Every structure is written in C-alpha cells, then in structure tokens.
C-alpha cells in the first residue's frame, strides 16, 4: 500500500461492522494514526495488520468499532 498517498488524501477508515471511523492522518512503524471526530477529536494508533483491504477510496479494518478501545487510543 502507498501509505504516503493514503495519508495525504486523508483516506476514510471503515470498521468491519461498516462504521465510518475517521481518517488516516499519519504512519508510525507498523501502525497508522486515525483521527476520529471534528470538534472533539480522538486519535488512535492502529496496527497495520488490522487492515482488511484498501479499495483506492477507503481503508477497511478487520476489527469492529466496539473492538477499538483505549488500547489503541492516544
């Protein structure tokens, strides 16, 4: 995957249960940064191995929205 393009395009993220989950804002080693929310934002560091696929428009995760917990939050 071209992470530079994914980051620069602020690619939207969707969880396994089809919930919209912010956008990709950065990359660090084997993880990527997701920012969720507009006025009150939350930042999450998600391991790249949690990516299911990228269709050129959206990054889909292998995990459900309710599985994203404080373990991933900054």
C-alpha atoms as a PDB file:
ATOM      1  CA  UNK A   1       0.000   0.000   0.000  1.00  0.00           C
ATOM      2  CA  UNK A   2       1.111   3.522  -0.725  1.00  0.00           C
ATOM      3  CA  UNK A   3       0.838   4.965   2.781  1.00  0.00           C
ATOM      4  CA  UNK A   4       2.014   8.427   1.658  1.00  0.00           C
ATOM      5  CA  UNK A   5      -0.966   8.700  -0.712  1.00  0.00           C
ATOM      6  CA  UNK A   6      -3.361   7.252   1.874  1.00  0.00           C
ATOM      7  CA  UNK A   7      -2.204   9.838   4.424  1.00  0.00           C
ATOM      8  CA  UNK A   8      -2.122  12.835   2.071  1.00  0.00           C
ATOM      9  CA  UNK A   9      -5.638  12.027   0.825  1.00  0.00           C
ATOM     10  CA  UNK A  10      -6.937  11.771   4.412  1.00  0.00           C
ATOM     11  CA  UNK A  11      -8.367   8.410   3.435  1.00  0.00           C
ATOM     12  CA  UNK A  12     -11.532   7.488   5.327  1.00  0.00           C
ATOM     13  CA  UNK A  13     -11.474   4.414   7.562  1.00  0.00           C
ATOM     14  CA  UNK A  14     -14.344   1.954   7.959  1.00  0.00           C
ATOM     15  CA  UNK A  15     -14.551  -0.803  10.569  1.00  0.00           C
ATOM     16  CA  UNK A  16     -15.563  -4.422   9.961  1.00  0.00           C
ATOM     17  CA  UNK A  17     -19.148  -3.620  11.006  1.00  0.00           C
ATOM     18  CA  UNK A  18     -19.353  -0.850   8.354  1.00  0.00           C
ATOM     19  CA  UNK A  19     -18.984   2.033  10.808  1.00  0.00           C
ATOM     20  CA  UNK A  20     -17.261   5.146   9.497  1.00  0.00           C
ATOM     21  CA  UNK A  21     -14.216   5.695  11.713  1.00  0.00           C
ATOM     22  CA  UNK A  22     -12.353   8.903  10.916  1.00  0.00           C
ATOM     23  CA  UNK A  23      -9.432   9.232   8.525  1.00  0.00           C
ATOM     24  CA  UNK A  24      -5.789   8.213   8.226  1.00  0.00           C
ATOM     25  CA  UNK A  25      -3.563  11.058   9.425  1.00  0.00           C
ATOM     26  CA  UNK A  26      -0.122   9.503   9.772  1.00  0.00           C
ATOM     27  CA  UNK A  27       2.076   6.441   9.930  1.00  0.00           C
ATOM     28  CA  UNK A  28       4.498   5.175  12.543  1.00  0.00           C
ATOM     29  CA  UNK A  29       6.459   1.955  12.047  1.00  0.00           C
ATOM     30  CA  UNK A  30       3.925  -0.902  11.803  1.00  0.00           C
ATOM     31  CA  UNK A  31       0.930   1.270  12.717  1.00  0.00           C
ATOM     32  CA  UNK A  32      -1.068   4.202  11.397  1.00  0.00           C
ATOM     33  CA  UNK A  33      -2.788   7.143  13.058  1.00  0.00           C
ATOM     34  CA  UNK A  34      -6.549   7.602  12.756  1.00  0.00           C
ATOM     35  CA  UNK A  35      -8.298  10.800  13.785  1.00  0.00           C
ATOM     36  CA  UNK A  36     -11.987  10.464  14.600  1.00  0.00           C
ATOM     37  CA  UNK A  37     -14.330  13.409  15.184  1.00  0.00           C
ATOM     38  CA  UNK A  38     -14.304  17.036  14.150  1.00  0.00           C
ATOM     39  CA  UNK A  39     -14.915  19.348  17.076  1.00  0.00           C
ATOM     40  CA  UNK A  40     -13.776  16.871  19.713  1.00  0.00           C
ATOM     41  CA  UNK A  41     -11.300  14.543  18.106  1.00  0.00           C
ATOM     42  CA  UNK A  42      -9.845  11.271  19.296  1.00  0.00           C
ATOM     43  CA  UNK A  43      -6.594   9.854  17.992  1.00  0.00           C
ATOM     44  CA  UNK A  44      -5.923   6.160  17.647  1.00  0.00           C
ATOM     45  CA  UNK A  45      -2.842   4.173  16.668  1.00  0.00           C
ATOM     46  CA  UNK A  46      -3.977   1.078  14.777  1.00  0.00           C
ATOM     47  CA  UNK A  47      -1.577  -1.744  13.839  1.00  0.00           C
ATOM     48  CA  UNK A  48      -1.305  -2.195  10.070  1.00  0.00           C
ATOM     49  CA  UNK A  49      -2.117  -5.893  10.455  1.00  0.00           C
ATOM     50  CA  UNK A  50      -5.677  -4.807  11.392  1.00  0.00           C
ATOM     51  CA  UNK A  51      -6.240  -3.586   7.801  1.00  0.00           C
ATOM     52  CA  UNK A  52      -8.536  -5.827   5.788  1.00  0.00           C
ATOM     53  CA  UNK A  53      -8.204  -4.025   2.455  1.00  0.00           C
ATOM     54  CA  UNK A  54      -7.875  -0.709   0.680  1.00  0.00           C
ATOM     55  CA  UNK A  55     -10.097  -0.154  -2.355  1.00  0.00           C
ATOM     56  CA  UNK A  56      -8.480   3.086  -3.506  1.00  0.00           C
ATOM     57  CA  UNK A  57     -11.041   5.241  -1.703  1.00  0.00           C
ATOM     58  CA  UNK A  58     -11.432   3.776   1.768  1.00  0.00           C
ATOM     59  CA  UNK A  59      -9.363   1.720   4.204  1.00  0.00           C
ATOM     60  CA  UNK A  60     -11.332  -1.165   5.734  1.00  0.00           C
ATOM     61  CA  UNK A  61     -10.368  -2.735   9.046  1.00  0.00           C
ATOM     62  CA  UNK A  62     -10.617  -6.341  10.249  1.00  0.00           C
ATOM     63  CA  UNK A  63     -11.986  -5.169  13.590  1.00  0.00           C
ATOM     64  CA  UNK A  64     -15.400  -3.890  14.659  1.00  0.00           C
ATOM     65  CA  UNK A  65     -15.924  -0.386  16.005  1.00  0.00           C
ATOM     66  CA  UNK A  66     -16.624  -1.712  19.514  1.00  0.00           C
ATOM     67  CA  UNK A  67     -13.245  -3.507  19.486  1.00  0.00           C
ATOM     68  CA  UNK A  68     -11.412  -0.211  19.135  1.00  0.00           C
ATOM     69  CA  UNK A  69     -10.814   0.677  22.716  1.00  0.00           C
ATOM     70  CA  UNK A  70      -8.389   2.503  24.930  1.00  0.00           C
ATOM     71  CA  UNK A  71      -5.631   0.103  23.855  1.00  0.00           C
ATOM     72  CA  UNK A  72      -5.488   1.978  20.555  1.00  0.00           C
ATOM     73  CA  UNK A  73      -6.302   5.491  21.793  1.00  0.00           C
ATOM     74  CA  UNK A  74      -3.524   8.039  22.297  1.00  0.00           C
END
